[in-house]
């Protein structure tokens, strides 16, 4: 069972930890947004990714802060996600 959730193109800057709880078959997620803020509020995504088999797609890149603009979200570390 393969489920890919594509959230790209939506206007959001951060995601809630509860967003994917019910999607137990989820294998890949693309949450690219021209407004994606890669800060401390997104640390949970890295932990969630480590504890599941979910893959964050290559299309998911940071828009803000300026120091992380264009960085692949999947390659970030918790220490880079600061507020």
N, C-alpha and C. Protein backbone atom coordinates (compact mmCIF):
# COMPACT_ATOMS: atom_id res chain seq x y z
N UNK A 1 0.84 -1.19 0.00
CA UNK A 1 0.00 0.00 0.00
C UNK A 1 0.88 1.25 0.00
N UNK A 2 0.80 2.06 -1.05
CA UNK A 2 1.64 3.24 -1.18
C UNK A 2 0.76 4.48 -1.19
N UNK A 3 1.03 5.38 -0.29
CA UNK A 3 0.28 6.62 -0.23
C UNK A 3 1.26 7.78 -0.26
N UNK A 4 1.11 8.64 -1.24
CA UNK A 4 1.95 9.82 -1.37
C UNK A 4 1.04 11.03 -1.20
N UNK A 5 1.35 11.86 -0.23
CA UNK A 5 0.54 13.05 0.04
C UNK A 5 1.29 14.25 -0.52
N UNK A 6 0.69 14.92 -1.50
CA UNK A 6 1.30 16.09 -2.10
C UNK A 6 0.57 17.33 -1.59
N UNK A 7 1.25 18.09 -0.77
CA UNK A 7 0.67 19.32 -0.21
C UNK A 7 1.26 20.56 -0.87
N UNK A 8 2.09 20.36 -1.89
CA UNK A 8 2.74 21.51 -2.52
C UNK A 8 1.71 22.41 -3.19
N UNK A 9 2.05 23.66 -3.30
CA UNK A 9 1.16 24.63 -3.91
C UNK A 9 0.16 25.24 -2.96
N UNK A 10 0.06 24.70 -1.76
CA UNK A 10 -0.83 25.26 -0.75
C UNK A 10 -0.11 26.38 -0.01
N UNK A 11 -0.88 27.31 0.50
CA UNK A 11 -0.29 28.43 1.22
C UNK A 11 -0.24 28.10 2.70
N UNK A 12 0.90 27.63 3.15
CA UNK A 12 1.14 27.40 4.57
C UNK A 12 2.61 27.67 4.83
N UNK A 13 2.92 27.98 6.07
CA UNK A 13 4.30 28.26 6.42
C UNK A 13 4.86 27.26 7.40
N UNK A 14 3.98 26.55 8.09
CA UNK A 14 4.40 25.52 9.04
C UNK A 14 3.32 24.44 9.08
N UNK A 15 3.64 23.30 9.69
CA UNK A 15 2.72 22.18 9.76
C UNK A 15 2.53 21.74 11.19
N UNK A 16 1.35 21.25 11.49
CA UNK A 16 1.04 20.76 12.82
C UNK A 16 1.42 19.29 12.95
N UNK A 17 1.94 18.87 14.10
CA UNK A 17 2.31 17.46 14.31
C UNK A 17 1.14 16.48 14.13
N UNK A 18 -0.07 16.92 14.31
CA UNK A 18 -1.23 16.05 14.19
C UNK A 18 -1.63 15.79 12.73
N UNK A 19 -1.03 16.49 11.81
CA UNK A 19 -1.43 16.45 10.40
C UNK A 19 -1.41 15.05 9.81
N UNK A 20 -0.43 14.22 10.14
CA UNK A 20 -0.27 12.93 9.49
C UNK A 20 -0.58 11.74 10.38
N UNK A 21 -1.07 11.95 11.60
CA UNK A 21 -1.28 10.88 12.57
C UNK A 21 -2.16 9.76 12.02
N UNK A 22 -3.26 10.08 11.39
CA UNK A 22 -4.20 9.06 10.91
C UNK A 22 -3.77 8.40 9.61
N UNK A 23 -2.75 8.91 8.96
CA UNK A 23 -2.32 8.38 7.67
C UNK A 23 -1.24 7.32 7.87
N UNK A 24 -1.63 6.16 8.36
CA UNK A 24 -0.67 5.11 8.71
C UNK A 24 -0.02 4.48 7.48
N UNK A 25 -0.63 4.58 6.30
CA UNK A 25 -0.07 4.00 5.08
C UNK A 25 0.81 4.99 4.32
N UNK A 26 1.00 6.16 4.88
CA UNK A 26 1.76 7.20 4.19
C UNK A 26 3.21 6.77 3.99
N UNK A 27 3.69 6.89 2.75
CA UNK A 27 5.06 6.50 2.42
C UNK A 27 5.92 7.69 1.98
N UNK A 28 5.28 8.71 1.40
CA UNK A 28 6.02 9.88 0.93
C UNK A 28 5.16 11.12 1.09
N UNK A 29 5.82 12.24 1.39
CA UNK A 29 5.10 13.50 1.53
C UNK A 29 5.91 14.61 0.87
N UNK A 30 5.18 15.45 0.15
CA UNK A 30 5.77 16.61 -0.52
C UNK A 30 5.03 17.82 0.04
N UNK A 31 5.69 18.60 0.89
CA UNK A 31 5.03 19.79 1.43
C UNK A 31 5.79 21.05 1.04
N UNK A 32 6.20 21.06 -0.23
CA UNK A 32 6.87 22.23 -0.75
C UNK A 32 5.89 23.40 -0.83
N UNK A 33 6.34 24.54 -0.41
CA UNK A 33 5.54 25.76 -0.45
C UNK A 33 6.50 26.93 -0.59
N UNK A 34 6.14 27.91 -1.35
CA UNK A 34 7.02 29.08 -1.46
C UNK A 34 7.06 29.88 -0.16
N UNK A 35 6.30 29.41 0.84
CA UNK A 35 6.25 30.09 2.13
C UNK A 35 6.78 29.23 3.28
N UNK A 36 7.34 28.05 3.00
CA UNK A 36 7.74 27.12 4.05
C UNK A 36 8.85 27.70 4.93
N UNK A 37 8.53 27.85 6.20
CA UNK A 37 9.48 28.38 7.18
C UNK A 37 10.13 27.20 7.89
N UNK A 38 11.42 27.05 7.71
CA UNK A 38 12.18 25.96 8.34
C UNK A 38 12.78 26.49 9.64
N UNK A 39 12.00 26.37 10.69
CA UNK A 39 12.45 26.85 12.01
C UNK A 39 12.11 25.82 13.07
N UNK A 40 12.22 26.18 14.33
CA UNK A 40 12.01 25.25 15.43
C UNK A 40 10.62 24.61 15.41
N UNK A 41 9.65 25.25 14.81
CA UNK A 41 8.30 24.70 14.75
C UNK A 41 8.19 23.51 13.81
N UNK A 42 9.25 23.24 13.04
CA UNK A 42 9.26 22.12 12.11
C UNK A 42 10.16 20.98 12.57
N UNK A 43 10.74 21.11 13.75
CA UNK A 43 11.62 20.04 14.27
C UNK A 43 10.90 18.71 14.37
N UNK A 44 9.64 18.74 14.74
CA UNK A 44 8.86 17.51 14.89
C UNK A 44 8.86 16.69 13.61
N UNK A 45 8.92 17.35 12.44
CA UNK A 45 8.89 16.63 11.17
C UNK A 45 10.13 15.73 11.04
N UNK A 46 11.28 16.25 11.45
CA UNK A 46 12.51 15.44 11.40
C UNK A 46 12.40 14.23 12.31
N UNK A 47 11.88 14.41 13.52
CA UNK A 47 11.68 13.28 14.44
C UNK A 47 10.66 12.29 13.90
N UNK A 48 9.59 12.80 13.36
CA UNK A 48 8.55 11.97 12.78
C UNK A 48 9.11 11.14 11.63
N UNK A 49 9.90 11.78 10.77
CA UNK A 49 10.52 11.10 9.62
C UNK A 49 11.44 9.97 10.10
N UNK A 50 12.20 10.23 11.16
CA UNK A 50 13.12 9.21 11.70
C UNK A 50 12.38 8.00 12.26
N UNK A 51 11.21 8.24 12.82
CA UNK A 51 10.45 7.18 13.50
C UNK A 51 9.41 6.49 12.63
N UNK A 52 9.38 6.83 11.36
CA UNK A 52 8.44 6.20 10.42
C UNK A 52 9.21 5.84 9.16
N UNK A 53 8.53 5.21 8.23
CA UNK A 53 9.16 4.89 6.95
C UNK A 53 8.82 5.94 5.90
N UNK A 54 8.31 7.06 6.33
CA UNK A 54 7.91 8.13 5.41
C UNK A 54 9.13 8.84 4.83
N UNK A 55 9.05 9.12 3.54
CA UNK A 55 10.12 9.83 2.84
C UNK A 55 9.64 11.25 2.54
N UNK A 56 10.48 12.24 2.83
CA UNK A 56 10.20 13.63 2.46
C UNK A 56 10.79 13.82 1.06
N UNK A 57 9.99 14.29 0.13
CA UNK A 57 10.44 14.37 -1.26
C UNK A 57 11.48 15.46 -1.50
N UNK A 58 12.17 15.33 -2.62
CA UNK A 58 13.21 16.28 -3.02
C UNK A 58 12.63 17.66 -3.33
N UNK A 59 11.34 17.73 -3.61
CA UNK A 59 10.69 19.00 -3.94
C UNK A 59 10.46 19.87 -2.72
N UNK A 60 10.58 19.30 -1.54
CA UNK A 60 10.31 20.03 -0.31
C UNK A 60 11.55 20.81 0.11
N UNK A 61 11.53 22.11 -0.13
CA UNK A 61 12.66 22.98 0.18
C UNK A 61 12.21 24.16 1.04
N UNK A 62 13.14 24.69 1.79
CA UNK A 62 12.85 25.82 2.67
C UNK A 62 12.75 27.12 1.87
N UNK A 63 11.84 27.96 2.29
CA UNK A 63 11.72 29.31 1.74
C UNK A 63 12.34 30.33 2.70
N UNK A 64 12.17 30.08 3.98
CA UNK A 64 12.68 30.96 5.04
C UNK A 64 13.26 30.11 6.15
N UNK A 65 14.16 30.59 6.95
CA UNK A 65 14.84 31.89 6.89
C UNK A 65 15.81 31.94 5.71
N UNK A 66 16.31 33.11 5.47
CA UNK A 66 17.18 33.35 4.33
C UNK A 66 18.37 32.39 4.30
N UNK A 67 18.90 32.04 5.48
CA UNK A 67 20.07 31.16 5.56
C UNK A 67 19.77 29.73 5.10
N UNK A 68 18.50 29.34 5.08
CA UNK A 68 18.13 27.99 4.66
C UNK A 68 17.36 27.97 3.35
N UNK A 69 17.16 29.12 2.74
CA UNK A 69 16.38 29.21 1.50
C UNK A 69 16.98 28.28 0.44
N UNK A 70 16.12 27.43 -0.11
CA UNK A 70 16.53 26.50 -1.17
C UNK A 70 17.10 25.18 -0.67
N UNK A 71 17.27 25.05 0.64
CA UNK A 71 17.80 23.80 1.21
C UNK A 71 16.73 22.72 1.19
N UNK A 72 17.14 21.49 0.90
CA UNK A 72 16.23 20.36 0.96
C UNK A 72 15.86 20.12 2.42
N UNK A 73 14.57 20.09 2.71
CA UNK A 73 14.14 19.91 4.09
C UNK A 73 14.64 18.58 4.65
N UNK A 74 14.61 17.54 3.84
CA UNK A 74 14.98 16.21 4.30
C UNK A 74 16.43 16.12 4.75
N UNK A 75 17.28 17.05 4.30
CA UNK A 75 18.70 17.03 4.65
C UNK A 75 19.04 17.90 5.86
N UNK A 76 18.06 18.59 6.41
CA UNK A 76 18.32 19.48 7.55
C UNK A 76 18.52 18.68 8.85
N UNK A 77 19.19 19.32 9.80
CA UNK A 77 19.34 18.74 11.12
C UNK A 77 18.53 19.60 12.10
N UNK A 78 18.24 19.03 13.27
CA UNK A 78 17.49 19.78 14.27
C UNK A 78 18.18 21.06 14.65
N UNK A 79 19.49 21.07 14.69
CA UNK A 79 20.24 22.26 15.09
C UNK A 79 20.08 23.41 14.08
N UNK A 80 19.70 23.10 12.86
CA UNK A 80 19.48 24.15 11.86
C UNK A 80 18.10 24.78 12.00
N UNK A 81 17.20 24.09 12.64
CA UNK A 81 15.82 24.57 12.78
C UNK A 81 15.69 25.36 14.09
N UNK A 82 16.00 26.63 14.02
CA UNK A 82 16.00 27.48 15.20
C UNK A 82 14.95 28.57 15.10
N UNK A 83 14.59 29.10 16.27
CA UNK A 83 13.62 30.22 16.33
C UNK A 83 14.29 31.42 16.98
